[in-house]
Structure formats: structure tokens, C-alpha cells
Amino acid sequence: MATYALPAAYKTSNGKDITVGDFSVVATFEILTDTLFTTSSGATSVPTLAAGDIVQMVYIPVGVTVLDGYLITDAITSTSVSVGDQSSGNADRYVAAQDQSSAAKRYFASAEAFPKTYTTADTIDVTFTTGIPSAGTVTLVLFCTSDTVDLT
């Protein structure tokens, strides 16, 4: 199992001012085409992914609340993915092992997921839980806020 990161997640900056207000974040990864950082060494490469590999898609700073989101994929042959936050210990917080063998938009559906306010910086990750992805595109869309969220 290896952990890779899109440049925006690796640099701990997503290029937006996300200190106030509501915003969306979109991150796209094209399998076997995009250059990724290897988080253990900082080296860049176009990796051949394997089952269990993780791609850090989006950096989430302290105080940001994820309100909702979805995952869009092309058909990724014989592959299931999960979406979550590895550092917070929940690799499938938002999507749990969904089959990606047909193109689709999958809304986050976890009952424990929303809203999730991050008290420490983290990344939202896609984990290739089964199969070896050979081609395709993965797009993650998040709806977030930096404003205080009170659901009481």
C-alpha cells in the first residue's frame, strides 16, 4: 500500500482563500496520466496504482467544515473506492467501498459524515480498496464552510 497526493493536497494549500464563508473544492485525478507526489519521499511520478493505494485529493485546514460532496468517476475496471480522511482514522467516512466499474456520480451517504468540522488539518482521500485501476478519471467535489456550524 502506497500513499500519493495531488499537488494541492501535498502542498497543504488548495489555492483558495477558505478562511471565511461557504465554498466548493473540486479535485480531479486521471489514472496513469497525472503526476502525483509520493508522500513518504516527496518524489513525483505517474504511479501504477494497486489495491490499497491512497490518493490524497484535497487539503482541509483547521476549522473547515465539510457539509456535503460527491465522487464522479469514469468506468474504472474492477475497482472499488472509499472516500474519507486517513489522518482522522476514517478511510470511508464519506463513501464506503463503492464499485466504480461503471461511470457515475456518487453522493456521499454516510450517516456519520455530516457535518464534519476538522479540528486538525487533514486531507480527503480516495482509497482504491479492491482491484487495480487501469484507466479513468476520479473527481471529488466538496461543499464546505469556514463559518461556525451549529446544528443545535
C-alpha atoms as a PDB file:
ATOM      1  CA  MET A   1       0.000   0.000   0.000  1.00  0.00           C
ATOM      2  CA  ALA A   2       1.348   3.396  -1.011  1.00  0.00           C
ATOM      3  CA  THR A   3       0.103   6.904  -0.345  1.00  0.00           C
ATOM      4  CA  TYR A   4       0.196   9.514  -3.092  1.00  0.00           C
ATOM      5  CA  ALA A   5      -1.053  13.088  -3.210  1.00  0.00           C
ATOM      6  CA  LEU A   6      -2.301  15.525  -5.792  1.00  0.00           C
ATOM      7  CA  PRO A   7      -0.143  18.690  -5.746  1.00  0.00           C
ATOM      8  CA  ALA A   8      -2.829  20.765  -3.987  1.00  0.00           C
ATOM      9  CA  ALA A   9      -3.136  18.216  -1.170  1.00  0.00           C
ATOM     10  CA  TYR A  10       0.617  17.689  -0.833  1.00  0.00           C
ATOM     11  CA  LYS A  11       1.447  21.392  -0.631  1.00  0.00           C
ATOM     12  CA  THR A  12      -1.097  21.870   2.193  1.00  0.00           C
ATOM     13  CA  SER A  13      -2.805  24.553   0.168  1.00  0.00           C
ATOM     14  CA  ASN A  14      -5.668  24.334  -2.247  1.00  0.00           C
ATOM     15  CA  GLY A  15      -5.019  27.736  -3.836  1.00  0.00           C
ATOM     16  CA  LYS A  16      -8.213  29.307  -2.476  1.00  0.00           C
ATOM     17  CA  ASP A  17      -8.892  31.666   0.382  1.00  0.00           C
ATOM     18  CA  ILE A  18     -11.007  29.393   2.537  1.00  0.00           C
ATOM     19  CA  THR A  19     -10.825  31.299   5.797  1.00  0.00           C
ATOM     20  CA  VAL A  20     -14.399  32.655   5.669  1.00  0.00           C
ATOM     21  CA  GLY A  21     -17.683  31.759   4.051  1.00  0.00           C
ATOM     22  CA  ASP A  22     -19.024  28.877   2.019  1.00  0.00           C
ATOM     23  CA  PHE A  23     -17.081  27.370  -0.864  1.00  0.00           C
ATOM     24  CA  SER A  24     -16.639  24.310  -3.012  1.00  0.00           C
ATOM     25  CA  VAL A  25     -13.455  22.434  -3.805  1.00  0.00           C
ATOM     26  CA  VAL A  26     -13.021  20.267  -6.906  1.00  0.00           C
ATOM     27  CA  ALA A  27     -10.084  17.920  -7.382  1.00  0.00           C
ATOM     28  CA  THR A  28      -9.578  15.651 -10.393  1.00  0.00           C
ATOM     29  CA  PHE A  29      -7.132  12.793 -10.852  1.00  0.00           C
ATOM     30  CA  GLU A  30      -6.572  10.963 -14.135  1.00  0.00           C
ATOM     31  CA  ILE A  31      -5.256   7.452 -13.534  1.00  0.00           C
ATOM     32  CA  LEU A  32      -1.938   6.616 -15.259  1.00  0.00           C
ATOM     33  CA  THR A  33      -1.678  10.184 -16.577  1.00  0.00           C
ATOM     34  CA  ASP A  34      -1.360  12.642 -13.684  1.00  0.00           C
ATOM     35  CA  THR A  35       1.867  13.177 -11.804  1.00  0.00           C
ATOM     36  CA  LEU A  36       1.493  12.581  -8.065  1.00  0.00           C
ATOM     37  CA  PHE A  37       3.698  13.124  -5.041  1.00  0.00           C
ATOM     38  CA  THR A  38       4.802  10.079  -3.068  1.00  0.00           C
ATOM     39  CA  THR A  39       4.070  11.251   0.469  1.00  0.00           C
ATOM     40  CA  SER A  40       6.839   9.193   2.078  1.00  0.00           C
ATOM     41  CA  SER A  41       9.622  10.686  -0.064  1.00  0.00           C
ATOM     42  CA  GLY A  42       8.219  13.778  -1.786  1.00  0.00           C
ATOM     43  CA  ALA A  43       9.246  12.353  -5.169  1.00  0.00           C
ATOM     44  CA  THR A  44       6.902  12.780  -8.119  1.00  0.00           C
ATOM     45  CA  SER A  45       5.819  10.115 -10.563  1.00  0.00           C
ATOM     46  CA  VAL A  46       2.928   8.791 -12.596  1.00  0.00           C
ATOM     47  CA  PRO A  47       2.255   5.724 -10.440  1.00  0.00           C
ATOM     48  CA  THR A  48       0.755   2.405 -11.365  1.00  0.00           C
ATOM     49  CA  LEU A  49      -1.813   2.047  -8.604  1.00  0.00           C
ATOM     50  CA  ALA A  50      -2.584  -1.146  -6.695  1.00  0.00           C
ATOM     51  CA  ALA A  51      -5.348  -2.269  -4.379  1.00  0.00           C
ATOM     52  CA  GLY A  52      -4.955  -0.484  -1.048  1.00  0.00           C
ATOM     53  CA  ASP A  53      -3.260   2.596  -2.510  1.00  0.00           C
ATOM     54  CA  ILE A  54      -4.404   6.005  -1.292  1.00  0.00           C
ATOM     55  CA  VAL A  55      -4.551   9.285  -3.222  1.00  0.00           C
ATOM     56  CA  GLN A  56      -4.819  12.408  -1.082  1.00  0.00           C
ATOM     57  CA  MET A  57      -7.134  14.612  -3.129  1.00  0.00           C
ATOM     58  CA  VAL A  58      -7.866  17.786  -1.122  1.00  0.00           C
ATOM     59  CA  TYR A  59      -6.181  19.545   1.796  1.00  0.00           C
ATOM     60  CA  ILE A  60      -8.594  20.584   4.584  1.00  0.00           C
ATOM     61  CA  PRO A  61      -7.245  23.180   7.044  1.00  0.00           C
ATOM     62  CA  VAL A  62      -8.234  23.537  10.705  1.00  0.00           C
ATOM     63  CA  GLY A  63     -11.734  24.949  11.200  1.00  0.00           C
ATOM     64  CA  VAL A  64     -13.199  23.940   7.848  1.00  0.00           C
ATOM     65  CA  THR A  65     -16.484  22.018   7.914  1.00  0.00           C
ATOM     66  CA  VAL A  66     -17.341  19.594   5.119  1.00  0.00           C
ATOM     67  CA  LEU A  67     -21.075  19.929   4.513  1.00  0.00           C
ATOM     68  CA  ASP A  68     -21.557  17.515   1.613  1.00  0.00           C
ATOM     69  CA  GLY A  69     -19.908  16.176  -1.504  1.00  0.00           C
ATOM     70  CA  TYR A  70     -19.833  13.597  -4.228  1.00  0.00           C
ATOM     71  CA  LEU A  71     -17.487  11.456  -6.273  1.00  0.00           C
ATOM     72  CA  ILE A  72     -17.608  11.302 -10.071  1.00  0.00           C
ATOM     73  CA  THR A  73     -15.803   8.547 -11.940  1.00  0.00           C
ATOM     74  CA  ASP A  74     -15.388   7.164 -15.403  1.00  0.00           C
ATOM     75  CA  ALA A  75     -15.629   3.402 -15.581  1.00  0.00           C
ATOM     76  CA  ILE A  76     -12.607   2.143 -13.648  1.00  0.00           C
ATOM     77  CA  THR A  77     -12.340  -1.560 -14.405  1.00  0.00           C
ATOM     78  CA  SER A  78     -12.838  -3.930 -11.446  1.00  0.00           C
ATOM     79  CA  THR A  79     -12.128  -1.309  -8.831  1.00  0.00           C
ATOM     80  CA  SER A  80     -13.862  -0.216  -5.640  1.00  0.00           C
ATOM     81  CA  VAL A  81     -13.020   3.025  -3.858  1.00  0.00           C
ATOM     82  CA  SER A  82     -13.625   4.570  -0.461  1.00  0.00           C
ATOM     83  CA  VAL A  83     -13.529   8.286   0.368  1.00  0.00           C
ATOM     84  CA  GLY A  84     -12.520   9.520   3.800  1.00  0.00           C
ATOM     85  CA  ASP A  85      -9.846  11.081   5.944  1.00  0.00           C
ATOM     86  CA  GLN A  86      -6.978   8.739   6.811  1.00  0.00           C
ATOM     87  CA  SER A  87      -5.414  11.036   9.426  1.00  0.00           C
ATOM     88  CA  SER A  88      -8.655  11.148  11.382  1.00  0.00           C
ATOM     89  CA  GLY A  89      -8.801   7.366  11.197  1.00  0.00           C
ATOM     90  CA  ASN A  90     -11.857   7.020   8.984  1.00  0.00           C
ATOM     91  CA  ALA A  91     -10.867   5.990   5.468  1.00  0.00           C
ATOM     92  CA  ASP A  92     -14.510   5.517   4.478  1.00  0.00           C
ATOM     93  CA  ARG A  93     -16.137   8.437   6.322  1.00  0.00           C
ATOM     94  CA  TYR A  94     -17.881   9.704   3.175  1.00  0.00           C
ATOM     95  CA  VAL A  95     -18.046   6.733   0.762  1.00  0.00           C
ATOM     96  CA  ALA A  96     -17.541   3.098   1.780  1.00  0.00           C
ATOM     97  CA  ALA A  97     -16.107   0.703  -0.843  1.00  0.00           C
ATOM     98  CA  GLN A  98     -18.236   1.652  -3.835  1.00  0.00           C
ATOM     99  CA  ASP A  99     -17.814  -0.308  -7.063  1.00  0.00           C
ATOM    100  CA  GLN A 100     -16.569   2.009  -9.814  1.00  0.00           C
ATOM    101  CA  SER A 101     -16.889  -0.350 -12.792  1.00  0.00           C
ATOM    102  CA  SER A 102     -19.451   1.968 -14.417  1.00  0.00           C
ATOM    103  CA  ALA A 103     -19.311   5.731 -14.795  1.00  0.00           C
ATOM    104  CA  ALA A 104     -21.397   7.515 -12.182  1.00  0.00           C
ATOM    105  CA  LYS A 105     -21.838  10.351  -9.715  1.00  0.00           C
ATOM    106  CA  ARG A 106     -22.000   9.019  -6.175  1.00  0.00           C
ATOM    107  CA  TYR A 107     -23.229  11.330  -3.436  1.00  0.00           C
ATOM    108  CA  PHE A 108     -21.726  10.993  -0.001  1.00  0.00           C
ATOM    109  CA  ALA A 109     -24.113   8.870   2.021  1.00  0.00           C
ATOM    110  CA  SER A 110     -22.564   8.098   5.387  1.00  0.00           C
ATOM    111  CA  ALA A 111     -24.797   8.956   8.341  1.00  0.00           C
ATOM    112  CA  GLU A 112     -21.780   9.867  10.477  1.00  0.00           C
ATOM    113  CA  ALA A 113     -20.240  12.137   7.874  1.00  0.00           C
ATOM    114  CA  PHE A 114     -22.047  15.451   8.028  1.00  0.00           C
ATOM    115  CA  PRO A 115     -21.234  17.985   9.016  1.00  0.00           C
ATOM    116  CA  LYS A 116     -17.608  17.209   9.853  1.00  0.00           C
ATOM    117  CA  THR A 117     -15.589  20.089  11.296  1.00  0.00           C
ATOM    118  CA  TYR A 118     -11.850  19.465  11.214  1.00  0.00           C
ATOM    119  CA  THR A 119     -10.054  20.416  14.427  1.00  0.00           C
ATOM    120  CA  THR A 120      -6.711  19.417  12.914  1.00  0.00           C
ATOM    121  CA  ALA A 121      -5.547  19.784   9.320  1.00  0.00           C
ATOM    122  CA  ASP A 122      -6.268  16.724   7.206  1.00  0.00           C
ATOM    123  CA  THR A 123      -6.752  15.546   3.636  1.00  0.00           C
ATOM    124  CA  ILE A 124      -9.754  13.978   1.949  1.00  0.00           C
ATOM    125  CA  ASP A 125      -8.518  10.781   0.363  1.00  0.00           C
ATOM    126  CA  VAL A 126      -9.622   8.246  -2.216  1.00  0.00           C
ATOM    127  CA  THR A 127      -8.571   4.693  -1.352  1.00  0.00           C
ATOM    128  CA  PHE A 128      -8.576   2.042  -4.075  1.00  0.00           C
ATOM    129  CA  THR A 129      -9.943  -0.711  -1.841  1.00  0.00           C
ATOM    130  CA  THR A 130     -10.079  -3.565  -4.371  1.00  0.00           C
ATOM    131  CA  GLY A 131      -8.804  -4.157  -7.867  1.00  0.00           C
ATOM    132  CA  ILE A 132      -6.104  -2.419  -9.844  1.00  0.00           C
ATOM    133  CA  PRO A 133      -7.316   0.762 -11.566  1.00  0.00           C
ATOM    134  CA  SER A 134      -6.020   0.783 -15.130  1.00  0.00           C
ATOM    135  CA  ALA A 135      -7.538   3.980 -16.533  1.00  0.00           C
ATOM    136  CA  GLY A 136     -10.190   6.572 -15.895  1.00  0.00           C
ATOM    137  CA  THR A 137     -10.798   9.835 -14.089  1.00  0.00           C
ATOM    138  CA  VAL A 138     -11.748  10.414 -10.463  1.00  0.00           C
ATOM    139  CA  THR A 139     -13.262  13.782  -9.495  1.00  0.00           C
ATOM    140  CA  LEU A 140     -14.027  14.736  -5.913  1.00  0.00           C
ATOM    141  CA  VAL A 141     -16.395  17.656  -5.214  1.00  0.00           C
ATOM    142  CA  LEU A 142     -16.725  19.033  -1.680  1.00  0.00           C
ATOM    143  CA  PHE A 143     -19.095  21.658  -0.310  1.00  0.00           C
ATOM    144  CA  CYS A 144     -17.565  23.324   2.725  1.00  0.00           C
ATOM    145  CA  THR A 145     -17.711  26.301   5.046  1.00  0.00           C
ATOM    146  CA  SER A 146     -15.253  28.101   7.271  1.00  0.00           C
ATOM    147  CA  ASP A 147     -18.130  29.684   9.207  1.00  0.00           C
ATOM    148  CA  THR A 148     -19.244  28.265  12.534  1.00  0.00           C
ATOM    149  CA  VAL A 149     -21.690  25.398  12.152  1.00  0.00           C
ATOM    150  CA  ASP A 150     -24.248  24.928  14.918  1.00  0.00           C
ATOM    151  CA  LEU A 151     -26.907  22.272  14.437  1.00  0.00           C
ATOM    152  CA  THR A 152     -28.458  22.515  17.907  1.00  0.00           C
END
